[in-house]
Amino acid sequence: MIYLTLFIEFFKIGLFSIGGGMATVPFLMDLARKYPWFTASELADMIAISESTPGPIGINMAKKKAAKNEAVAAVKGSNG
């Protein structure tokens, strides 16, 4: 069930965030409040790390936080 939830939540982020990686931050803040996946403090750390590495911010954050299978579900969802 966690895989489906991750897919759906990151799919919504990918669908509705237009304007680049930083446009996803409000959606990610909602996730931090809605689910116990990460805290606002961890989100700030993930943003800092993701901005310093090459690649899309959402995918870097998914890889940073999630386990392998969960990261795949989140990445697939964010890419549509």
N, C-alpha and C. Protein backbone atom coordinates (compact mmCIF):
# COMPACT_ATOMS: atom_id res chain seq x y z
N MET A 1 0.81 -1.20 0.00
CA MET A 1 0.00 0.00 0.00
C MET A 1 0.86 1.26 0.00
N ILE A 2 2.03 1.19 0.65
CA ILE A 2 2.90 2.36 0.69
C ILE A 2 3.38 2.73 -0.71
N TYR A 3 3.60 1.73 -1.55
CA TYR A 3 4.07 2.01 -2.91
C TYR A 3 3.02 2.77 -3.71
N LEU A 4 1.78 2.37 -3.58
CA LEU A 4 0.70 3.06 -4.28
C LEU A 4 0.54 4.49 -3.76
N THR A 5 0.62 4.66 -2.46
CA THR A 5 0.50 5.99 -1.87
C THR A 5 1.65 6.89 -2.33
N LEU A 6 2.88 6.36 -2.31
CA LEU A 6 4.03 7.13 -2.79
C LEU A 6 3.84 7.52 -4.25
N PHE A 7 3.43 6.55 -5.06
CA PHE A 7 3.23 6.81 -6.48
C PHE A 7 2.20 7.92 -6.68
N ILE A 8 1.07 7.80 -6.02
CA ILE A 8 -0.01 8.79 -6.20
C ILE A 8 0.43 10.17 -5.74
N GLU A 9 1.04 10.26 -4.57
CA GLU A 9 1.44 11.57 -4.04
C GLU A 9 2.49 12.23 -4.93
N PHE A 10 3.50 11.48 -5.38
CA PHE A 10 4.51 12.08 -6.23
C PHE A 10 3.99 12.31 -7.65
N PHE A 11 3.01 11.52 -8.09
CA PHE A 11 2.38 11.78 -9.37
C PHE A 11 1.65 13.13 -9.34
N LYS A 12 0.94 13.39 -8.23
CA LYS A 12 0.26 14.68 -8.09
C LYS A 12 1.27 15.84 -8.09
N ILE A 13 2.39 15.64 -7.42
CA ILE A 13 3.41 16.68 -7.40
C ILE A 13 3.93 16.93 -8.82
N GLY A 14 4.24 15.87 -9.54
CA GLY A 14 4.73 16.01 -10.91
C GLY A 14 3.69 16.61 -11.85
N LEU A 15 2.43 16.33 -11.60
CA LEU A 15 1.36 16.81 -12.47
C LEU A 15 1.07 18.29 -12.27
N PHE A 16 1.10 18.74 -11.02
CA PHE A 16 0.65 20.09 -10.72
C PHE A 16 1.76 21.10 -10.45
N SER A 17 2.99 20.68 -10.34
CA SER A 17 4.07 21.64 -10.08
C SER A 17 4.73 22.03 -11.40
N ILE A 18 4.43 23.22 -11.85
CA ILE A 18 4.97 23.73 -13.10
C ILE A 18 5.93 24.86 -12.76
N GLY A 19 7.14 24.78 -13.29
CA GLY A 19 8.09 25.84 -13.04
C GLY A 19 9.41 25.36 -12.47
N GLY A 20 9.66 24.08 -12.50
CA GLY A 20 10.94 23.59 -12.02
C GLY A 20 10.86 22.96 -10.64
N GLY A 21 12.02 22.54 -10.18
CA GLY A 21 12.11 21.80 -8.94
C GLY A 21 11.66 22.56 -7.71
N MET A 22 11.95 23.85 -7.66
CA MET A 22 11.58 24.62 -6.48
C MET A 22 10.06 24.83 -6.39
N ALA A 23 9.36 24.62 -7.49
CA ALA A 23 7.90 24.72 -7.47
C ALA A 23 7.27 23.56 -6.72
N THR A 24 8.04 22.51 -6.49
CA THR A 24 7.53 21.34 -5.77
C THR A 24 7.58 21.52 -4.26
N VAL A 25 8.31 22.51 -3.77
CA VAL A 25 8.51 22.65 -2.32
C VAL A 25 7.19 22.79 -1.55
N PRO A 26 6.23 23.60 -1.98
CA PRO A 26 4.96 23.65 -1.23
C PRO A 26 4.24 22.31 -1.17
N PHE A 27 4.31 21.55 -2.26
CA PHE A 27 3.69 20.23 -2.27
C PHE A 27 4.41 19.29 -1.29
N LEU A 28 5.73 19.40 -1.25
CA LEU A 28 6.51 18.57 -0.35
C LEU A 28 6.28 18.95 1.11
N MET A 29 6.07 20.23 1.37
CA MET A 29 5.73 20.66 2.73
C MET A 29 4.40 20.05 3.16
N ASP A 30 3.44 19.98 2.24
CA ASP A 30 2.16 19.32 2.54
C ASP A 30 2.37 17.84 2.87
N LEU A 31 3.27 17.18 2.12
CA LEU A 31 3.57 15.78 2.41
C LEU A 31 4.18 15.63 3.80
N ALA A 32 5.04 16.57 4.18
CA ALA A 32 5.68 16.50 5.50
C ALA A 32 4.64 16.61 6.61
N ARG A 33 3.60 17.40 6.37
CA ARG A 33 2.53 17.54 7.37
C ARG A 33 1.57 16.35 7.36
N LYS A 34 1.37 15.76 6.18
CA LYS A 34 0.35 14.73 6.00
C LYS A 34 0.83 13.33 6.39
N TYR A 35 2.10 13.03 6.11
CA TYR A 35 2.64 11.70 6.33
C TYR A 35 3.89 11.78 7.21
N PRO A 36 4.21 10.70 7.90
CA PRO A 36 5.43 10.70 8.73
C PRO A 36 6.69 10.32 7.96
N TRP A 37 6.71 10.56 6.67
CA TRP A 37 7.85 10.16 5.85
C TRP A 37 9.07 11.01 6.13
N PHE A 38 8.88 12.31 6.36
CA PHE A 38 9.98 13.21 6.68
C PHE A 38 9.43 14.43 7.38
N THR A 39 10.30 15.10 8.12
CA THR A 39 9.90 16.31 8.85
C THR A 39 10.27 17.53 8.02
N ALA A 40 9.83 18.70 8.45
CA ALA A 40 10.18 19.94 7.75
C ALA A 40 11.68 20.18 7.80
N SER A 41 12.31 19.82 8.90
CA SER A 41 13.76 19.97 9.03
C SER A 41 14.49 19.05 8.05
N GLU A 42 14.04 17.80 7.95
CA GLU A 42 14.63 16.87 6.98
C GLU A 42 14.40 17.36 5.56
N LEU A 43 13.24 17.95 5.30
CA LEU A 43 12.96 18.50 3.97
C LEU A 43 13.96 19.58 3.61
N ALA A 44 14.25 20.47 4.56
CA ALA A 44 15.24 21.52 4.31
C ALA A 44 16.61 20.92 4.01
N ASP A 45 16.99 19.89 4.74
CA ASP A 45 18.27 19.22 4.48
C ASP A 45 18.28 18.56 3.10
N MET A 46 17.16 17.90 2.75
CA MET A 46 17.07 17.23 1.45
C MET A 46 17.12 18.24 0.31
N ILE A 47 16.51 19.39 0.48
CA ILE A 47 16.55 20.43 -0.55
C ILE A 47 17.98 20.91 -0.74
N ALA A 48 18.68 21.15 0.35
CA ALA A 48 20.07 21.61 0.27
C ALA A 48 20.95 20.59 -0.44
N ILE A 49 20.79 19.32 -0.10
CA ILE A 49 21.59 18.28 -0.75
C ILE A 49 21.19 18.13 -2.22
N SER A 50 19.89 18.16 -2.50
CA SER A 50 19.42 17.99 -3.88
C SER A 50 19.84 19.13 -4.77
N GLU A 51 19.91 20.32 -4.24
CA GLU A 51 20.33 21.47 -5.04
C GLU A 51 21.82 21.41 -5.36
N SER A 52 22.59 20.70 -4.55
CA SER A 52 24.03 20.64 -4.77
C SER A 52 24.44 19.45 -5.63
N THR A 53 23.49 18.58 -6.00
CA THR A 53 23.80 17.43 -6.85
C THR A 53 23.09 17.59 -8.19
N PRO A 54 23.67 17.03 -9.25
CA PRO A 54 23.02 17.16 -10.56
C PRO A 54 21.74 16.32 -10.65
N GLY A 55 20.80 16.81 -11.41
CA GLY A 55 19.56 16.08 -11.63
C GLY A 55 18.37 16.81 -11.04
N PRO A 56 17.17 16.32 -11.37
CA PRO A 56 15.95 16.94 -10.86
C PRO A 56 15.84 16.82 -9.34
N ILE A 57 15.37 17.87 -8.71
CA ILE A 57 15.31 17.93 -7.25
C ILE A 57 14.41 16.85 -6.67
N GLY A 58 13.26 16.61 -7.28
CA GLY A 58 12.33 15.61 -6.75
C GLY A 58 12.90 14.21 -6.78
N ILE A 59 13.59 13.87 -7.83
CA ILE A 59 14.17 12.53 -7.94
C ILE A 59 15.31 12.38 -6.95
N ASN A 60 16.15 13.41 -6.80
CA ASN A 60 17.23 13.35 -5.82
C ASN A 60 16.68 13.19 -4.41
N MET A 61 15.58 13.89 -4.12
CA MET A 61 14.98 13.79 -2.79
C MET A 61 14.38 12.42 -2.56
N ALA A 62 13.73 11.87 -3.57
CA ALA A 62 13.13 10.53 -3.43
C ALA A 62 14.21 9.49 -3.19
N LYS A 63 15.33 9.61 -3.92
CA LYS A 63 16.42 8.67 -3.74
C LYS A 63 17.07 8.83 -2.37
N LYS A 64 17.13 10.05 -1.88
CA LYS A 64 17.76 10.31 -0.58
C LYS A 64 16.97 9.70 0.56
N LYS A 65 15.66 9.82 0.51
CA LYS A 65 14.83 9.45 1.66
C LYS A 65 14.33 8.02 1.62
N ALA A 66 13.90 7.57 0.48
CA ALA A 66 13.19 6.29 0.40
C ALA A 66 14.14 5.10 0.23
N ALA A 67 13.64 3.94 0.58
CA ALA A 67 14.35 2.70 0.30
C ALA A 67 14.28 2.45 -1.20
N LYS A 68 14.98 1.46 -1.69
CA LYS A 68 15.08 1.24 -3.14
C LYS A 68 13.72 1.10 -3.81
N ASN A 69 12.87 0.21 -3.33
CA ASN A 69 11.56 -0.01 -3.97
C ASN A 69 10.66 1.20 -3.83
N GLU A 70 10.71 1.86 -2.68
CA GLU A 70 9.89 3.05 -2.48
C GLU A 70 10.37 4.19 -3.36
N ALA A 71 11.68 4.31 -3.54
CA ALA A 71 12.22 5.35 -4.41
C ALA A 71 11.77 5.14 -5.84
N VAL A 72 11.74 3.89 -6.28
CA VAL A 72 11.27 3.60 -7.64
C VAL A 72 9.83 4.04 -7.82
N ALA A 73 8.97 3.76 -6.85
CA ALA A 73 7.56 4.17 -6.93
C ALA A 73 7.43 5.68 -6.95
N ALA A 74 8.21 6.37 -6.13
CA ALA A 74 8.15 7.83 -6.08
C ALA A 74 8.67 8.45 -7.37
N VAL A 75 9.77 7.93 -7.90
CA VAL A 75 10.35 8.45 -9.14
C VAL A 75 9.41 8.21 -10.30
N LYS A 76 8.83 7.01 -10.39
CA LYS A 76 7.87 6.72 -11.47
C LYS A 76 6.68 7.66 -11.38
N GLY A 77 6.21 7.91 -10.18
CA GLY A 77 5.08 8.80 -10.02
C GLY A 77 5.40 10.23 -10.40
N SER A 78 6.59 10.70 -10.04
CA SER A 78 6.94 12.09 -10.35
C SER A 78 7.21 12.30 -11.82
N ASN A 79 7.57 11.25 -12.54
CA ASN A 79 7.83 11.37 -13.97
C ASN A 79 6.61 11.11 -14.82
N GLY A 80 5.53 10.66 -14.18
CA GLY A 80 4.29 10.42 -14.92
C GLY A 80 4.41 9.18 -15.67
